[in-house]
Amino acid sequence: MDAQRPVQPVAPTGMELIFMYRCPHCGRKAALVAPTQPAMIQCDACQTQFPLVPVDERTVQYIKLMLASGRAAVDPDFA
């Protein structure tokens, strides 16, 4: 690769939604990528487990569709 040529910015080719869940024991927030099924998670701070309420898969799919998997979220003035 030519060391003189700058690297061009790269546009997103996909996206994920991250949801924040607060540990009911210590209050620390845990970031999870769109959990669509009920599950138990373990807090990385206090190590206790707790159940989470899943998000609606259809809503996640709708948001991804509306943003064209991230492509529609790109600043048009940047490109």
C-alpha atoms as a PDB file:
ATOM      1  CA  MET A   1       0.000   0.000   0.000  1.00  0.00           C
ATOM      2  CA  ASP A   2       1.250   3.473  -0.864  1.00  0.00           C
ATOM      3  CA  ALA A   3       2.326   5.336   2.297  1.00  0.00           C
ATOM      4  CA  GLN A   4       1.613   8.744   0.664  1.00  0.00           C
ATOM      5  CA  ARG A   5      -2.042   8.067  -0.150  1.00  0.00           C
ATOM      6  CA  PRO A   6      -4.522   8.767   2.683  1.00  0.00           C
ATOM      7  CA  VAL A   7      -7.012   6.090   3.604  1.00  0.00           C
ATOM      8  CA  GLN A   8     -10.539   6.959   2.492  1.00  0.00           C
ATOM      9  CA  PRO A   9     -13.310   6.923   5.128  1.00  0.00           C
ATOM     10  CA  VAL A  10     -15.434   3.784   5.145  1.00  0.00           C
ATOM     11  CA  ALA A  11     -19.240   3.876   5.281  1.00  0.00           C
ATOM     12  CA  PRO A  12     -21.186   1.441   7.462  1.00  0.00           C
ATOM     13  CA  THR A  13     -22.228  -1.847   5.889  1.00  0.00           C
ATOM     14  CA  GLY A  14     -24.505  -2.918   8.724  1.00  0.00           C
ATOM     15  CA  MET A  15     -25.731  -1.925  12.134  1.00  0.00           C
ATOM     16  CA  GLU A  16     -26.826  -3.322  15.467  1.00  0.00           C
ATOM     17  CA  LEU A  17     -28.950  -1.810  18.207  1.00  0.00           C
ATOM     18  CA  ILE A  18     -27.492  -1.824  21.683  1.00  0.00           C
ATOM     19  CA  PHE A  19     -29.820  -1.783  24.682  1.00  0.00           C
ATOM     20  CA  MET A  20     -28.742  -0.801  28.182  1.00  0.00           C
ATOM     21  CA  TYR A  21     -29.888  -2.866  31.169  1.00  0.00           C
ATOM     22  CA  ARG A  22     -29.270  -1.709  34.745  1.00  0.00           C
ATOM     23  CA  CYS A  23     -28.217  -4.372  37.253  1.00  0.00           C
ATOM     24  CA  PRO A  24     -30.896  -4.489  39.983  1.00  0.00           C
ATOM     25  CA  HIS A  25     -28.223  -5.331  42.586  1.00  0.00           C
ATOM     26  CA  CYS A  26     -25.457  -2.745  42.054  1.00  0.00           C
ATOM     27  CA  GLY A  27     -26.928  -0.378  39.442  1.00  0.00           C
ATOM     28  CA  ARG A  28     -24.193  -0.834  36.829  1.00  0.00           C
ATOM     29  CA  LYS A  29     -25.368  -0.643  33.221  1.00  0.00           C
ATOM     30  CA  ALA A  30     -24.818  -3.593  30.901  1.00  0.00           C
ATOM     31  CA  ALA A  31     -24.861  -3.104  27.126  1.00  0.00           C
ATOM     32  CA  LEU A  32     -26.450  -5.890  25.085  1.00  0.00           C
ATOM     33  CA  VAL A  33     -26.992  -6.193  21.349  1.00  0.00           C
ATOM     34  CA  ALA A  34     -30.785  -6.375  20.855  1.00  0.00           C
ATOM     35  CA  PRO A  35     -31.643  -9.336  23.102  1.00  0.00           C
ATOM     36  CA  THR A  36     -34.818 -10.730  21.526  1.00  0.00           C
ATOM     37  CA  GLN A  37     -35.191 -13.750  23.818  1.00  0.00           C
ATOM     38  CA  PRO A  38     -35.649 -13.873  27.606  1.00  0.00           C
ATOM     39  CA  ALA A  39     -32.309 -14.588  29.243  1.00  0.00           C
ATOM     40  CA  MET A  40     -30.292 -14.433  32.419  1.00  0.00           C
ATOM     41  CA  ILE A  41     -27.226 -12.215  32.306  1.00  0.00           C
ATOM     42  CA  GLN A  42     -24.390 -11.787  34.747  1.00  0.00           C
ATOM     43  CA  CYS A  43     -23.335  -8.339  35.887  1.00  0.00           C
ATOM     44  CA  ASP A  44     -19.657  -7.751  35.156  1.00  0.00           C
ATOM     45  CA  ALA A  45     -19.318  -5.597  38.296  1.00  0.00           C
ATOM     46  CA  CYS A  46     -21.021  -7.546  41.114  1.00  0.00           C
ATOM     47  CA  GLN A  47     -21.161 -10.959  39.361  1.00  0.00           C
ATOM     48  CA  THR A  48     -24.825 -11.542  40.237  1.00  0.00           C
ATOM     49  CA  GLN A  49     -27.241 -12.873  37.651  1.00  0.00           C
ATOM     50  CA  PHE A  50     -30.556 -11.306  36.774  1.00  0.00           C
ATOM     51  CA  PRO A  51     -33.261 -11.890  34.144  1.00  0.00           C
ATOM     52  CA  LEU A  52     -33.819  -9.362  31.394  1.00  0.00           C
ATOM     53  CA  VAL A  53     -36.871  -8.329  29.454  1.00  0.00           C
ATOM     54  CA  PRO A  54     -36.268  -8.980  25.740  1.00  0.00           C
ATOM     55  CA  VAL A  55     -36.857  -6.364  23.052  1.00  0.00           C
ATOM     56  CA  ASP A  56     -39.332  -6.821  20.232  1.00  0.00           C
ATOM     57  CA  GLU A  57     -37.579  -8.367  17.232  1.00  0.00           C
ATOM     58  CA  ARG A  58     -39.996  -6.764  14.782  1.00  0.00           C
ATOM     59  CA  THR A  59     -39.185  -3.312  16.171  1.00  0.00           C
ATOM     60  CA  VAL A  60     -35.454  -3.971  15.801  1.00  0.00           C
ATOM     61  CA  GLN A  61     -35.983  -5.136  12.210  1.00  0.00           C
ATOM     62  CA  TYR A  62     -38.098  -2.046  11.484  1.00  0.00           C
ATOM     63  CA  ILE A  63     -35.395   0.344  12.734  1.00  0.00           C
ATOM     64  CA  LYS A  64     -32.728  -1.469  10.731  1.00  0.00           C
ATOM     65  CA  LEU A  65     -34.966  -1.318   7.637  1.00  0.00           C
ATOM     66  CA  MET A  66     -35.686   2.393   8.089  1.00  0.00           C
ATOM     67  CA  LEU A  67     -31.953   3.134   8.390  1.00  0.00           C
ATOM     68  CA  ALA A  68     -31.039   0.797   5.502  1.00  0.00           C
ATOM     69  CA  SER A  69     -28.814  -1.201   7.866  1.00  0.00           C
ATOM     70  CA  GLY A  70     -26.934   1.954   8.802  1.00  0.00           C
ATOM     71  CA  ARG A  71     -26.422   3.381   5.324  1.00  0.00           C
ATOM     72  CA  ALA A  72     -29.202   5.973   5.747  1.00  0.00           C
ATOM     73  CA  ALA A  73     -27.627   7.231   8.977  1.00  0.00           C
ATOM     74  CA  VAL A  74     -24.507   8.492   7.194  1.00  0.00           C
ATOM     75  CA  ASP A  75     -24.177  12.274   7.090  1.00  0.00           C
ATOM     76  CA  PRO A  76     -24.866  13.193   3.428  1.00  0.00           C
ATOM     77  CA  ASP A  77     -22.596  16.244   3.728  1.00  0.00           C
ATOM     78  CA  PHE A  78     -19.654  14.036   4.707  1.00  0.00           C
ATOM     79  CA  ALA A  79     -19.641  11.911   1.570  1.00  0.00           C
END
